């Protein structure tokens, strides 16, 4: 399952493989705010108002996941659109 950053139900980031990756992305672009309820408790991280992290479909441009085999080596070794011996005669 993939996750992305949403703003008011509109997907505003690429799909990431984990929620932790989305949190890192959100922090990198300045959308994570630290708030504390008291001096004794550690600060809590929240997203800026209007943003959420939700499950989504993986992006089409994503490469193969770990354990999946890429077809690129197979495709590059094929001779595409070459006339067959039968077509040449």
N, C-alpha and C. Protein backbone atom coordinates (compact mmCIF):
# COMPACT_ATOMS: atom_id res chain seq x y z
N UNK A 1 0.84 -1.16 0.00
CA UNK A 1 0.00 0.00 0.00
C UNK A 1 0.89 1.23 0.00
N UNK A 2 0.49 2.25 -0.73
CA UNK A 2 1.23 3.50 -0.81
C UNK A 2 0.51 4.59 -0.04
N UNK A 3 1.25 5.65 0.29
CA UNK A 3 0.71 6.78 1.03
C UNK A 3 1.19 8.07 0.37
N UNK A 4 0.39 9.12 0.52
CA UNK A 4 0.75 10.42 -0.04
C UNK A 4 0.24 11.52 0.86
N UNK A 5 0.72 12.70 0.61
CA UNK A 5 0.29 13.90 1.31
C UNK A 5 -0.89 14.49 0.57
N UNK A 6 -1.95 14.82 1.32
CA UNK A 6 -3.16 15.38 0.73
C UNK A 6 -3.44 16.73 1.37
N UNK A 7 -4.01 17.63 0.59
CA UNK A 7 -4.48 18.92 1.09
C UNK A 7 -5.94 19.04 0.72
N UNK A 8 -6.80 19.03 1.74
CA UNK A 8 -8.25 19.12 1.50
C UNK A 8 -8.71 18.09 0.47
N UNK A 9 -8.32 16.85 0.64
CA UNK A 9 -8.65 15.67 -0.17
C UNK A 9 -8.02 15.64 -1.56
N UNK A 10 -7.13 16.57 -1.87
CA UNK A 10 -6.43 16.57 -3.15
C UNK A 10 -5.00 16.09 -2.92
N UNK A 11 -4.57 15.08 -3.68
CA UNK A 11 -3.22 14.54 -3.55
C UNK A 11 -2.21 15.59 -4.02
N UNK A 12 -1.27 15.94 -3.14
CA UNK A 12 -0.31 17.00 -3.46
C UNK A 12 1.14 16.53 -3.43
N UNK A 13 1.36 15.24 -3.33
CA UNK A 13 2.73 14.71 -3.37
C UNK A 13 2.73 13.41 -4.17
N UNK A 14 3.91 12.94 -4.43
CA UNK A 14 4.04 11.63 -5.05
C UNK A 14 3.63 10.57 -4.04
N UNK A 15 3.41 9.38 -4.50
CA UNK A 15 3.11 8.27 -3.60
C UNK A 15 4.41 7.74 -3.01
N UNK A 16 4.38 7.45 -1.71
CA UNK A 16 5.53 6.88 -1.01
C UNK A 16 5.13 5.49 -0.51
N UNK A 17 6.10 4.66 -0.26
CA UNK A 17 5.82 3.28 0.16
C UNK A 17 5.40 3.18 1.62
N UNK A 18 5.81 4.15 2.46
CA UNK A 18 5.46 4.10 3.88
C UNK A 18 5.00 5.47 4.35
N UNK A 19 4.26 5.47 5.46
CA UNK A 19 3.85 6.74 6.08
C UNK A 19 5.07 7.51 6.57
N UNK A 20 6.08 6.79 7.06
CA UNK A 20 7.30 7.45 7.56
C UNK A 20 7.97 8.26 6.44
N UNK A 21 7.97 7.75 5.22
CA UNK A 21 8.55 8.48 4.11
C UNK A 21 7.76 9.75 3.80
N UNK A 22 6.43 9.70 3.96
CA UNK A 22 5.60 10.88 3.73
C UNK A 22 5.87 11.91 4.83
N UNK A 23 5.99 11.46 6.08
CA UNK A 23 6.31 12.38 7.18
C UNK A 23 7.64 13.08 6.91
N UNK A 24 8.64 12.33 6.45
CA UNK A 24 9.95 12.93 6.14
C UNK A 24 9.81 13.97 5.04
N UNK A 25 9.06 13.63 3.99
CA UNK A 25 8.84 14.57 2.88
C UNK A 25 8.15 15.83 3.39
N UNK A 26 7.10 15.65 4.20
CA UNK A 26 6.36 16.79 4.75
C UNK A 26 7.28 17.67 5.61
N UNK A 27 8.15 17.05 6.40
CA UNK A 27 9.09 17.81 7.23
C UNK A 27 10.08 18.57 6.35
N UNK A 28 10.56 17.91 5.29
CA UNK A 28 11.53 18.53 4.39
C UNK A 28 10.97 19.78 3.71
N UNK A 29 9.66 19.80 3.45
CA UNK A 29 9.07 20.96 2.77
C UNK A 29 8.38 21.93 3.74
N UNK A 30 8.57 21.70 5.04
CA UNK A 30 8.11 22.65 6.03
C UNK A 30 6.66 22.53 6.45
N UNK A 31 6.07 21.35 6.32
CA UNK A 31 4.67 21.17 6.68
C UNK A 31 4.46 20.46 8.01
N UNK A 32 5.54 20.23 8.75
CA UNK A 32 5.42 19.57 10.05
C UNK A 32 5.67 20.61 11.14
N UNK A 33 4.75 20.63 12.09
CA UNK A 33 4.82 21.58 13.20
C UNK A 33 4.96 20.79 14.49
N UNK A 34 5.83 21.26 15.39
CA UNK A 34 5.96 20.62 16.70
C UNK A 34 5.19 21.43 17.72
N UNK A 35 4.30 20.75 18.44
CA UNK A 35 3.51 21.41 19.49
C UNK A 35 3.71 20.65 20.78
N UNK A 36 3.67 21.36 21.88
CA UNK A 36 3.78 20.68 23.17
C UNK A 36 2.62 21.13 24.06
N UNK A 37 2.14 20.18 24.84
CA UNK A 37 1.02 20.48 25.73
C UNK A 37 1.51 20.91 27.11
N UNK A 38 2.73 20.55 27.43
CA UNK A 38 3.30 20.98 28.71
C UNK A 38 4.82 20.94 28.60
N UNK A 39 5.46 21.52 29.56
CA UNK A 39 6.92 21.55 29.54
C UNK A 39 7.53 20.18 29.80
N UNK A 40 6.77 19.30 30.45
CA UNK A 40 7.28 17.98 30.80
C UNK A 40 7.19 16.98 29.65
N UNK A 41 6.18 17.13 28.80
CA UNK A 41 5.99 16.20 27.70
C UNK A 41 6.83 16.60 26.50
N UNK A 42 7.34 15.62 25.76
CA UNK A 42 8.09 15.96 24.55
C UNK A 42 7.13 16.56 23.50
N UNK A 43 7.64 17.40 22.60
CA UNK A 43 6.77 17.98 21.58
C UNK A 43 6.19 16.90 20.68
N UNK A 44 5.00 17.16 20.20
CA UNK A 44 4.30 16.24 19.31
C UNK A 44 4.32 16.84 17.90
N UNK A 45 4.59 16.00 16.91
CA UNK A 45 4.61 16.46 15.52
C UNK A 45 3.21 16.37 14.92
N UNK A 46 2.80 17.44 14.27
CA UNK A 46 1.53 17.43 13.54
C UNK A 46 1.75 18.05 12.18
N UNK A 47 0.84 17.75 11.27
CA UNK A 47 0.90 18.36 9.94
C UNK A 47 0.25 19.73 9.98
N UNK A 48 0.67 20.61 9.10
CA UNK A 48 0.07 21.93 8.99
C UNK A 48 -1.43 21.77 8.71
N UNK A 49 -2.20 22.76 9.11
CA UNK A 49 -3.65 22.73 8.95
C UNK A 49 -4.05 22.46 7.50
N UNK A 50 -4.98 21.52 7.35
CA UNK A 50 -5.49 21.19 6.02
C UNK A 50 -4.77 20.04 5.33
N UNK A 51 -3.68 19.54 5.93
CA UNK A 51 -2.92 18.45 5.32
C UNK A 51 -3.14 17.15 6.07
N UNK A 52 -3.18 16.06 5.31
CA UNK A 52 -3.30 14.72 5.89
C UNK A 52 -2.39 13.76 5.13
N UNK A 53 -2.14 12.63 5.75
CA UNK A 53 -1.42 11.54 5.08
C UNK A 53 -2.42 10.41 4.96
N UNK A 54 -2.70 10.00 3.72
CA UNK A 54 -3.70 8.97 3.46
C UNK A 54 -3.15 7.92 2.51
N UNK A 55 -3.78 6.76 2.54
CA UNK A 55 -3.44 5.69 1.60
C UNK A 55 -3.86 6.11 0.21
N UNK A 56 -3.12 5.65 -0.78
CA UNK A 56 -3.44 5.98 -2.17
C UNK A 56 -2.89 4.88 -3.08
N UNK A 57 -3.25 4.96 -4.33
CA UNK A 57 -2.72 4.04 -5.33
C UNK A 57 -1.27 4.42 -5.61
N UNK A 58 -0.41 3.44 -5.90
CA UNK A 58 0.97 3.78 -6.24
C UNK A 58 1.01 4.59 -7.53
N UNK A 59 2.01 5.45 -7.65
CA UNK A 59 2.18 6.21 -8.88
C UNK A 59 2.57 5.27 -10.00
N UNK A 60 2.08 5.53 -11.19
CA UNK A 60 2.34 4.66 -12.35
C UNK A 60 3.82 4.64 -12.68
N UNK A 61 4.51 5.74 -12.50
CA UNK A 61 5.92 5.83 -12.86
C UNK A 61 6.84 5.13 -11.86
N UNK A 62 6.28 4.62 -10.75
CA UNK A 62 7.12 3.93 -9.77
C UNK A 62 7.76 2.71 -10.41
N UNK A 63 9.01 2.48 -10.08
CA UNK A 63 9.71 1.31 -10.58
C UNK A 63 9.26 0.07 -9.84
N UNK A 64 9.85 -1.06 -10.14
CA UNK A 64 9.46 -2.29 -9.46
C UNK A 64 9.81 -2.24 -7.99
N UNK A 65 9.00 -2.87 -7.18
CA UNK A 65 9.27 -2.92 -5.75
C UNK A 65 10.29 -4.01 -5.47
N UNK A 66 10.78 -4.05 -4.26
CA UNK A 66 11.75 -5.07 -3.87
C UNK A 66 11.12 -6.44 -4.10
N UNK A 67 11.84 -7.32 -4.74
CA UNK A 67 11.32 -8.65 -5.01
C UNK A 67 10.68 -8.77 -6.38
N UNK A 68 10.34 -7.65 -7.00
CA UNK A 68 9.79 -7.72 -8.34
C UNK A 68 10.94 -7.62 -9.32
N UNK A 69 10.80 -8.31 -10.42
CA UNK A 69 11.86 -8.32 -11.41
C UNK A 69 11.57 -7.29 -12.49
N UNK A 70 12.56 -6.53 -12.86
CA UNK A 70 12.41 -5.53 -13.90
C UNK A 70 12.45 -6.20 -15.27
N UNK A 71 11.61 -5.74 -16.17
CA UNK A 71 11.60 -6.27 -17.54
C UNK A 71 12.58 -5.53 -18.44
N UNK A 72 13.23 -4.50 -17.95
CA UNK A 72 14.12 -3.71 -18.79
C UNK A 72 15.22 -4.55 -19.44
N UNK A 73 15.93 -5.44 -18.69
CA UNK A 73 16.97 -6.23 -19.36
C UNK A 73 16.40 -7.14 -20.44
N UNK A 74 15.22 -7.67 -20.22
CA UNK A 74 14.59 -8.55 -21.21
C UNK A 74 14.21 -7.74 -22.43
N UNK A 75 13.63 -6.56 -22.21
CA UNK A 75 13.19 -5.74 -23.33
C UNK A 75 14.36 -5.25 -24.17
N UNK A 76 15.47 -4.91 -23.56
CA UNK A 76 16.61 -4.41 -24.32
C UNK A 76 17.28 -5.51 -25.12
N UNK A 77 17.11 -6.74 -24.71
CA UNK A 77 17.75 -7.83 -25.46
C UNK A 77 16.88 -8.32 -26.61
N UNK A 78 15.64 -7.88 -26.70
CA UNK A 78 14.75 -8.27 -27.79
C UNK A 78 14.98 -7.40 -29.00
N UNK A 79 14.82 -7.98 -30.15
CA UNK A 79 14.89 -7.22 -31.39
C UNK A 79 13.45 -6.94 -31.81
N UNK A 80 13.01 -5.73 -31.57
CA UNK A 80 11.64 -5.37 -31.88
C UNK A 80 11.53 -4.86 -33.30
N UNK A 81 10.41 -5.15 -33.94
CA UNK A 81 10.10 -4.69 -35.29
C UNK A 81 11.11 -5.17 -36.33
N UNK A 82 11.74 -6.28 -36.11
CA UNK A 82 12.63 -6.87 -37.09
C UNK A 82 11.83 -7.81 -37.99
N UNK A 83 12.01 -7.77 -39.29
CA UNK A 83 11.27 -8.68 -40.17
C UNK A 83 11.69 -10.12 -39.88
N UNK A 84 10.71 -10.99 -39.89
CA UNK A 84 11.00 -12.39 -39.66
C UNK A 84 11.55 -13.02 -40.93
N UNK A 85 12.13 -14.21 -40.80
CA UNK A 85 12.68 -14.92 -41.97
C UNK A 85 11.58 -15.23 -42.96
N UNK A 86 10.39 -15.56 -42.47
CA UNK A 86 9.27 -15.87 -43.36
C UNK A 86 8.82 -14.64 -44.14
N UNK A 87 8.88 -13.47 -43.52
CA UNK A 87 8.46 -12.23 -44.20
C UNK A 87 9.49 -11.81 -45.23
N UNK A 88 10.73 -12.19 -45.06
CA UNK A 88 11.78 -11.80 -45.98
C UNK A 88 11.75 -12.60 -47.26
N UNK A 89 11.12 -13.78 -47.26
CA UNK A 89 11.14 -14.61 -48.47
C UNK A 89 10.00 -14.32 -49.40
